[in-house]
């Protein structure tokens, strides 16, 4: 294949090229920072796009995983799920988020897209789930070999008080060891000075443990991961319960 000849005959030695690269003009677009191309690079790109070497003019050939995934999810929500809903409900999904109209109660809900990540990236929820599952398996294996003492909340009281006297304190997190078997919350405790009510078997996470869920140890990111895991397990329990009631245990 003959070597392409570019209109720009500019040549740079290695030191000049590195210096030119380091001094490039920056352009901020959203969360991404772009470097301005050199004259030589711009000339090469001009000629490449003259012949559509990257395939942008062929939409059937140039589809990113993000675009392909969006089309697939849009078709599922808008063409499969939407027709199955009752007349009092309507949903619509696009690249900006999910819209839900509830005509029975006169409510409109808008869920905006927050983030898109590769499935196996360091900060994805899928990766967090895998890491959490590994920790669960590790803890189960350890529990089989040795007795594990589960940390619990401790009761504290205010002297000379008639009402709101007792509270359970979770200095390093732990399980709620008492409460109603019905599942109703009836155990008082304070969370950063705010009164709350918890129930039997619930587990309070400490801030350091939540931070440790995130690769960058950020509390907000850790909370998102923990919430995602919680909802996944909660819905799984609901599905298992429904299946058991329908088809038997």
Protein backbone atom coordinates (compact mmCIF):
# COMPACT_ATOMS: atom_id res chain seq x y z
CA UNK A 1 0.00 0.00 0.00
CA UNK A 2 1.58 3.34 -1.02
CA UNK A 3 2.48 5.66 1.81
CA UNK A 4 0.23 8.69 2.07
CA UNK A 5 1.68 12.08 1.28
CA UNK A 6 0.35 14.94 3.32
CA UNK A 7 0.24 18.54 2.17
CA UNK A 8 2.16 19.70 5.23
CA UNK A 9 5.86 18.96 4.90
CA UNK A 10 6.65 20.20 8.41
CA UNK A 11 9.14 18.02 10.28
CA UNK A 12 9.90 18.13 13.98
CA UNK A 13 12.63 16.49 15.98
CA UNK A 14 11.63 14.70 19.20
CA UNK A 15 12.49 17.56 21.60
CA UNK A 16 10.54 20.13 19.55
CA UNK A 17 7.54 17.80 19.35
CA UNK A 18 7.52 17.17 23.12
CA UNK A 19 7.81 20.90 23.84
CA UNK A 20 4.99 21.68 21.44
CA UNK A 21 2.82 18.97 23.01
CA UNK A 22 3.41 20.27 26.54
CA UNK A 23 2.52 23.84 25.54
CA UNK A 24 -0.73 22.94 23.79
CA UNK A 25 -3.77 25.13 24.27
CA UNK A 26 -6.44 23.54 26.44
CA UNK A 27 -10.19 23.43 25.83
CA UNK A 28 -12.68 22.43 28.54
CA UNK A 29 -15.88 20.80 27.27
CA UNK A 30 -18.06 19.58 30.11
CA UNK A 31 -15.96 17.31 32.33
CA UNK A 32 -13.32 16.63 29.64
CA UNK A 33 -10.21 18.66 28.79
CA UNK A 34 -9.02 18.63 25.17
CA UNK A 35 -5.54 19.51 23.84
CA UNK A 36 -5.31 21.58 20.67
CA UNK A 37 -3.78 19.59 17.82
CA UNK A 38 -0.52 20.70 16.25
CA UNK A 39 -0.40 21.99 12.67
CA UNK A 40 0.90 18.64 11.45
CA UNK A 41 -1.75 16.65 13.30
CA UNK A 42 -4.48 18.97 12.06
CA UNK A 43 -3.30 18.53 8.46
CA UNK A 44 -3.28 14.75 8.82
CA UNK A 45 -6.77 14.76 10.35
CA UNK A 46 -8.01 17.03 7.53
CA UNK A 47 -6.94 14.50 4.93
CA UNK A 48 -8.26 11.53 6.91
CA UNK A 49 -11.68 13.11 7.21
CA UNK A 50 -11.59 14.07 3.52
CA UNK A 51 -11.96 10.33 2.84
CA UNK A 52 -14.01 9.47 5.97
CA UNK A 53 -11.37 7.08 7.31
CA UNK A 54 -13.07 6.97 10.72
CA UNK A 55 -16.46 5.99 9.29
CA UNK A 56 -18.58 8.80 10.72
CA UNK A 57 -20.58 8.98 7.48
CA UNK A 58 -21.62 5.32 7.91
CA UNK A 59 -23.89 5.27 10.98
CA UNK A 60 -24.43 1.54 10.60
CA UNK A 61 -20.66 1.03 10.92
CA UNK A 62 -19.86 3.66 13.56
CA UNK A 63 -21.86 2.91 16.70
CA UNK A 64 -20.20 3.26 20.09
CA UNK A 65 -21.10 0.82 22.90
CA UNK A 66 -22.78 3.71 24.75
CA UNK A 67 -24.98 4.54 21.73
CA UNK A 68 -25.80 0.88 21.04
CA UNK A 69 -26.71 0.32 24.69
CA UNK A 70 -28.92 3.42 24.73
CA UNK A 71 -30.83 2.29 21.62
CA UNK A 72 -31.34 -1.16 23.13
CA UNK A 73 -32.61 0.20 26.46
CA UNK A 74 -34.84 2.79 24.75
CA UNK A 75 -36.44 0.06 22.63
CA UNK A 76 -37.02 -2.10 25.72
CA UNK A 77 -38.71 0.65 27.75
CA UNK A 78 -40.60 2.42 24.97
CA UNK A 79 -41.62 -0.57 22.83
CA UNK A 80 -41.80 -3.50 25.27
CA UNK A 81 -42.62 -2.13 28.73
CA UNK A 82 -44.69 0.96 27.80
CA UNK A 83 -47.44 -0.92 25.88
CA UNK A 84 -47.96 -3.26 28.86
CA UNK A 85 -48.75 -0.45 31.31
CA UNK A 86 -52.34 0.47 32.26
CA UNK A 87 -53.88 3.54 30.63
CA UNK A 88 -53.29 5.56 33.80
CA UNK A 89 -49.49 5.18 33.47
CA UNK A 90 -47.13 6.27 30.70
CA UNK A 91 -43.34 6.08 30.47
CA UNK A 92 -40.78 7.38 28.01
CA UNK A 93 -37.02 6.94 28.02
CA UNK A 94 -34.49 9.00 26.07
CA UNK A 95 -30.81 9.90 26.35
CA UNK A 96 -31.55 12.48 29.06
CA UNK A 97 -33.48 10.23 31.44
CA UNK A 98 -36.82 8.62 32.23
CA UNK A 99 -40.24 10.30 32.29
CA UNK A 100 -43.24 8.78 34.09
CA UNK A 101 -46.78 10.16 33.99
CA UNK A 102 -49.29 8.92 36.58
CA UNK A 103 -52.70 10.16 35.39
CA UNK A 104 -54.59 8.53 38.25
CA UNK A 105 -52.87 10.71 40.87
CA UNK A 106 -51.91 13.60 38.58
CA UNK A 107 -48.16 13.15 39.15
CA UNK A 108 -45.27 13.59 36.71
CA UNK A 109 -41.82 12.25 37.58
CA UNK A 110 -38.54 13.00 35.83
CA UNK A 111 -35.46 10.85 36.45
CA UNK A 112 -32.33 12.39 34.93
CA UNK A 113 -29.32 10.39 33.76
CA UNK A 114 -26.55 10.86 36.29
CA UNK A 115 -23.59 8.93 34.96
CA UNK A 116 -22.48 6.43 32.31
CA UNK A 117 -19.53 4.13 33.04
CA UNK A 118 -18.05 1.01 31.42
CA UNK A 119 -19.39 -2.08 33.19
CA UNK A 120 -16.02 -3.16 34.55
CA UNK A 121 -14.53 0.26 35.28
CA UNK A 122 -13.02 0.93 38.69
CA UNK A 123 -15.89 3.16 39.80
CA UNK A 124 -18.85 1.25 38.33
CA UNK A 125 -21.60 -0.20 40.52
CA UNK A 126 -21.04 -3.59 38.86
CA UNK A 127 -17.43 -3.61 40.08
CA UNK A 128 -18.62 -2.57 43.53
CA UNK A 129 -21.11 -5.45 43.55
CA UNK A 130 -18.36 -7.93 42.64
CA UNK A 131 -16.13 -6.58 45.39
CA UNK A 132 -18.98 -6.74 47.91
CA UNK A 133 -19.80 -10.33 46.87
CA UNK A 134 -16.15 -11.25 47.39
CA UNK A 135 -16.22 -9.74 50.89
CA UNK A 136 -19.43 -11.65 51.68
CA UNK A 137 -17.92 -14.95 50.51
CA UNK A 138 -14.76 -14.24 52.49
CA UNK A 139 -16.78 -13.46 55.61
CA UNK A 140 -18.89 -16.63 55.22
CA UNK A 141 -15.77 -18.76 54.85
CA UNK A 142 -14.25 -17.15 57.93
CA UNK A 143 -17.44 -17.65 59.94
CA UNK A 144 -17.35 -21.37 59.17
CA UNK A 145 -13.84 -21.67 60.60
CA UNK A 146 -14.20 -19.56 63.71
CA UNK A 147 -16.88 -18.01 65.84
CA UNK A 148 -17.57 -14.43 64.85
CA UNK A 149 -18.71 -11.97 67.51
CA UNK A 150 -21.11 -9.53 65.86
CA UNK A 151 -20.84 -5.95 67.06
CA UNK A 152 -24.12 -4.64 68.45
CA UNK A 153 -25.51 -1.29 69.51
CA UNK A 154 -25.23 -0.34 73.18
CA UNK A 155 -27.93 1.21 75.31
CA UNK A 156 -27.37 4.61 76.91
CA UNK A 157 -29.63 6.62 79.19
CA UNK A 158 -30.13 10.19 80.32
CA UNK A 159 -30.43 10.50 84.12
CA UNK A 160 -33.42 12.23 85.69
CA UNK A 161 -35.45 12.08 82.46
CA UNK A 162 -38.98 10.71 82.24
CA UNK A 163 -39.48 10.72 78.45
CA UNK A 164 -36.98 9.99 75.64
CA UNK A 165 -34.59 8.69 78.25
CA UNK A 166 -33.02 5.75 76.46
CA UNK A 167 -31.15 5.55 73.20
CA UNK A 168 -29.07 2.91 71.45
CA UNK A 169 -25.62 4.06 70.34
CA UNK A 170 -23.56 2.63 67.46
CA UNK A 171 -20.07 4.08 67.84
CA UNK A 172 -18.54 1.76 65.24
CA UNK A 173 -21.70 0.48 63.61
CA UNK A 174 -23.36 -2.81 64.42
CA UNK A 175 -26.60 -4.76 64.52
CA UNK A 176 -29.84 -3.87 66.31
CA UNK A 177 -30.08 -6.86 68.72
CA UNK A 178 -33.66 -6.36 69.93
CA UNK A 179 -37.04 -5.14 68.77
CA UNK A 180 -40.38 -6.35 67.48
CA UNK A 181 -40.55 -9.62 65.55
CA UNK A 182 -43.22 -8.04 63.34
CA UNK A 183 -40.53 -5.88 61.75
CA UNK A 184 -41.89 -2.55 62.99
CA UNK A 185 -39.20 -0.07 64.03
CA UNK A 186 -39.26 0.76 67.75
CA UNK A 187 -35.63 1.20 68.88
CA UNK A 188 -34.58 4.85 69.41
CA UNK A 189 -31.10 5.97 68.45
CA UNK A 190 -29.29 9.15 67.46
CA UNK A 191 -27.57 9.55 64.12
CA UNK A 192 -25.20 12.54 64.22
CA UNK A 193 -27.51 14.27 66.68
CA UNK A 194 -30.69 13.46 64.76
CA UNK A 195 -33.19 11.13 66.47
CA UNK A 196 -34.23 8.07 64.50
CA UNK A 197 -36.06 4.76 64.98
CA UNK A 198 -34.62 1.41 63.88
CA UNK A 199 -35.82 -2.18 64.10
CA UNK A 200 -34.73 -5.69 64.99
CA UNK A 201 -31.96 -7.09 62.79
CA UNK A 202 -31.11 -3.84 61.01
CA UNK A 203 -27.42 -3.07 60.68
CA UNK A 204 -25.92 0.40 61.15
CA UNK A 205 -22.85 1.13 59.03
CA UNK A 206 -20.11 3.37 60.34
CA UNK A 207 -18.81 6.23 58.19
CA UNK A 208 -15.29 4.70 57.72
CA UNK A 209 -16.83 1.43 56.51
CA UNK A 210 -19.01 3.24 53.97
CA UNK A 211 -16.03 5.27 52.73
CA UNK A 212 -14.04 2.06 52.28
CA UNK A 213 -16.60 0.79 49.74
CA UNK A 214 -15.42 3.45 47.26
CA UNK A 215 -12.04 3.10 45.49
CA UNK A 216 -11.29 6.76 46.28
CA UNK A 217 -12.67 6.55 49.85
CA UNK A 218 -15.24 9.28 49.18
CA UNK A 219 -18.24 9.14 51.51
CA UNK A 220 -20.79 10.17 48.88
CA UNK A 221 -19.54 7.55 46.41
CA UNK A 222 -19.57 4.91 49.16
CA UNK A 223 -23.17 5.79 50.06
CA UNK A 224 -24.22 5.36 46.41
CA UNK A 225 -22.57 1.94 46.26
CA UNK A 226 -24.14 0.83 49.54
CA UNK A 227 -27.56 2.08 48.41
CA UNK A 228 -27.22 0.17 45.13
CA UNK A 229 -26.26 -3.05 46.93
CA UNK A 230 -29.08 -2.58 49.46
CA UNK A 231 -31.72 -2.11 46.75
CA UNK A 232 -30.40 -5.09 44.76
CA UNK A 233 -30.62 -7.39 47.78
CA UNK A 234 -33.97 -5.96 48.91
CA UNK A 235 -35.55 -6.54 45.50
CA UNK A 236 -33.99 -10.02 45.31
CA UNK A 237 -35.59 -10.91 48.64
CA UNK A 238 -38.92 -9.62 47.35
CA UNK A 239 -38.67 -11.67 44.16
CA UNK A 240 -37.72 -14.81 46.11
CA UNK A 241 -40.66 -14.29 48.49
CA UNK A 242 -43.10 -13.81 45.61
CA UNK A 243 -41.77 -16.89 43.82
CA UNK A 244 -42.09 -18.97 46.99
CA UNK A 245 -45.68 -17.91 47.56
CA UNK A 246 -46.58 -18.65 43.94
CA UNK A 247 -44.80 -21.95 43.33
CA UNK A 248 -44.08 -23.17 46.84
CA UNK A 249 -40.82 -23.32 48.75
